[in-house]
Protein backbone atom coordinates (compact mmCIF):
# COMPACT_ATOMS: atom_id res chain seq x y z
CA MET A 1 28.33 91.71 49.16
CA GLU A 2 31.18 93.72 47.85
CA LEU A 3 31.66 95.23 51.27
CA SER A 4 31.79 91.86 53.02
CA LEU A 5 34.29 90.64 50.41
CA LEU A 6 36.46 93.67 51.11
CA VAL A 7 36.21 93.06 54.86
CA TRP A 8 37.51 89.50 54.42
CA LEU A 9 39.96 90.18 51.63
CA LEU A 10 41.99 92.94 53.31
CA PRO A 11 42.80 91.00 56.52
CA THR A 12 43.56 87.86 54.51
CA LEU A 13 45.83 89.80 52.19
CA ALA A 14 47.53 91.47 55.20
CA LEU A 15 48.00 88.04 56.82
CA ALA A 16 49.59 86.65 53.65
CA VAL A 17 51.91 89.65 53.32
CA GLY A 18 52.83 89.32 57.05
CA VAL A 19 53.64 85.62 56.61
CA VAL A 20 55.84 86.33 53.58
CA VAL A 21 57.62 89.20 55.33
CA GLY A 22 58.03 87.11 58.49
CA PHE A 23 59.43 84.23 56.47
CA LEU A 24 61.93 86.49 54.71
CA VAL A 25 62.98 88.16 57.97
CA ALA A 26 63.34 84.76 59.64
CA ARG A 27 65.57 83.58 56.81
CA LEU A 28 67.79 86.65 56.66
CA LEU A 29 68.21 87.62 60.34
CA PRO A 30 69.32 84.28 61.83
CA ASN A 31 72.22 84.28 59.41
CA ALA A 32 73.21 87.76 60.59
CA ALA A 33 72.88 86.94 64.30
CA PRO A 34 75.28 83.97 64.30
CA SER A 35 77.89 85.96 62.38
CA SER A 36 77.82 88.77 64.97
CA THR A 37 77.93 86.20 67.77
CA GLN A 38 80.77 84.43 66.02
CA ARG A 39 82.56 87.76 65.58
CA GLN A 40 82.17 88.51 69.31
CA LEU A 41 83.39 85.02 70.17
CA ASP A 42 86.42 85.50 67.91
CA GLU A 43 87.20 88.85 69.57
CA ILE A 44 87.00 87.29 73.04
CA GLN A 45 89.20 84.40 71.94
CA GLU A 46 91.76 86.83 70.49
CA ARG A 47 91.80 88.89 73.70
CA PHE A 48 92.25 85.72 75.74
CA ASP A 49 95.12 84.56 73.53
CA ASN A 50 96.77 87.99 73.85
CA TYR A 51 96.38 87.83 77.63
CA GLN A 52 97.94 84.37 77.76
CA ASN A 53 100.85 85.58 75.65
CA GLU A 54 101.36 88.55 77.99
CA VAL A 55 101.36 86.25 81.04
CA VAL A 56 103.91 83.92 79.45
CA THR A 57 106.08 86.89 78.44
CA HIS A 58 105.85 88.36 81.95
CA PHE A 59 106.94 85.14 83.66
CA ASN A 60 109.72 84.53 81.14
CA SER A 61 111.14 88.00 81.74
CA THR A 62 110.75 87.54 85.51
CA ALA A 63 112.67 84.27 85.32
CA ALA A 64 115.40 85.95 83.27
CA LEU A 65 115.68 88.79 85.80
CA VAL A 66 115.87 86.37 88.74
CA LYS A 67 118.57 84.42 86.92
CA LYS A 68 120.47 87.67 86.33
CA LEU A 69 120.05 88.62 90.01
CA THR A 70 121.38 85.23 91.11
CA GLN A 71 124.37 85.58 88.81
CA SER A 72 125.04 89.10 90.16
CA TYR A 73 124.88 87.78 93.71
CA GLN A 74 127.35 85.02 92.82
CA ASP A 75 129.65 87.59 91.21
CA VAL A 76 129.57 89.71 94.39
CA GLN A 77 130.34 86.64 96.51
CA ASP A 78 133.26 85.75 94.25
CA HIS A 79 134.55 89.33 94.39
CA LEU A 80 134.38 89.37 98.20
CA THR A 81 136.12 85.99 98.44
CA GLU A 82 138.87 87.17 96.12
CA GLY A 83 139.24 90.39 98.12
CA ALA A 84 139.42 88.46 101.39
CA ASN A 85 142.12 86.19 99.96
CA ARG A 86 144.11 89.07 98.52
CA LEU A 87 143.71 91.75 101.19
CA ALA A 88 143.73 89.82 104.47
CA LEU A 89 146.91 90.45 106.45
CA ASP A 90 147.24 87.06 108.09
CA GLU A 91 145.79 83.56 107.79
CA LEU A 92 143.48 83.90 110.83
CA THR A 93 141.87 87.07 109.46
CA ARG A 94 141.53 85.45 106.04
CA GLN A 95 139.82 82.39 107.55
CA ARG A 96 137.42 84.55 109.57
CA LEU A 97 136.52 86.63 106.52
CA LEU A 98 135.95 83.57 104.37
CA ALA A 99 133.92 81.90 107.10
CA SER A 100 131.68 84.95 107.41
CA LEU A 101 131.18 85.06 103.63
CA HIS A 102 130.24 81.41 103.30
CA ALA A 103 128.32 80.97 106.54
CA GLU A 104 125.15 78.96 105.94
CA THR A 105 123.55 79.98 109.21
CA PRO A 106 123.25 83.56 110.37
CA GLN A 107 125.33 84.69 113.28
CA ALA A 108 123.99 84.15 116.79
CA PRO A 109 121.30 86.66 117.60
CA ARG A 110 122.10 89.41 120.02
CA GLU A 111 120.79 89.14 123.52
CA ARG A 112 117.63 91.18 123.83
CA LEU A 113 116.33 92.96 126.85
CA THR A 114 113.27 91.24 128.17
CA PRO A 115 110.32 93.36 129.25
CA PRO A 116 109.22 93.11 132.87
CA ARG A 117 106.96 90.16 133.55
CA ASP A 118 104.25 91.97 135.53
CA GLN A 119 102.49 94.57 133.48
CA GLU A 120 101.42 96.68 136.44
CA ALA A 121 101.55 100.40 135.76
CA PRO A 122 104.10 102.37 137.76
CA LYS A 123 102.79 104.00 140.91
CA ASP A 124 103.04 107.71 141.51
CA TYR A 125 103.30 107.26 145.30
CA ALA A 126 105.55 105.42 147.70
CA PRO A 127 104.18 102.04 148.76
CA LYS A 128 103.65 101.60 152.48
CA THR A 129 104.01 98.63 154.77
CA PRO A 130 100.91 97.18 156.42
CA ASN A 131 99.76 98.96 159.62
CA ALA A 132 101.96 101.97 158.83
CA PRO A 133 100.39 105.39 158.34
CA GLY A 134 100.06 106.54 154.74
CA MET A 135 101.47 109.80 153.39
CA LEU A 136 98.17 111.56 153.83
CA ASP A 137 97.85 110.54 157.46
CA GLU A 138 98.19 113.50 159.82
CA HIS A 139 100.82 111.68 161.88
CA TYR A 140 102.96 110.69 158.90
CA GLY A 141 106.61 111.55 159.37
CA LEU A 142 106.18 112.59 163.00
CA LYS A 143 107.93 110.71 165.77
CA ARG A 144 105.78 109.47 168.60
CA ASN A 145 106.86 110.02 172.15
């Protein structure tokens, strides 16, 4: 009887210990898992916020540089206008210079050469008229009598 009691007691005792250990592990590990998940989520959120800040900084500096470029362009235009007013020898030259500086539309395009319409490759022989002997004909270039 003692042997049968031992056979039942050991598995029952192991089951009870397993339930207690499982209960303790279940209580302790879920608290650890959400904190690591929360930590990962916080890291991702911080990286996203840093990225957004970098994007905003990039576009702000781009806008500042474009504004500076526009101002530099305006300064060059003003300098050229002042130079045209000061250095032009006569009124007609001054008007032409000022008109070219402030022209809204570009000057008329230059006339371009147009390519030939037929795309036939050039021939490396002289064309012949119909019913005339070709260059390889034995009577070519000879006068008939």
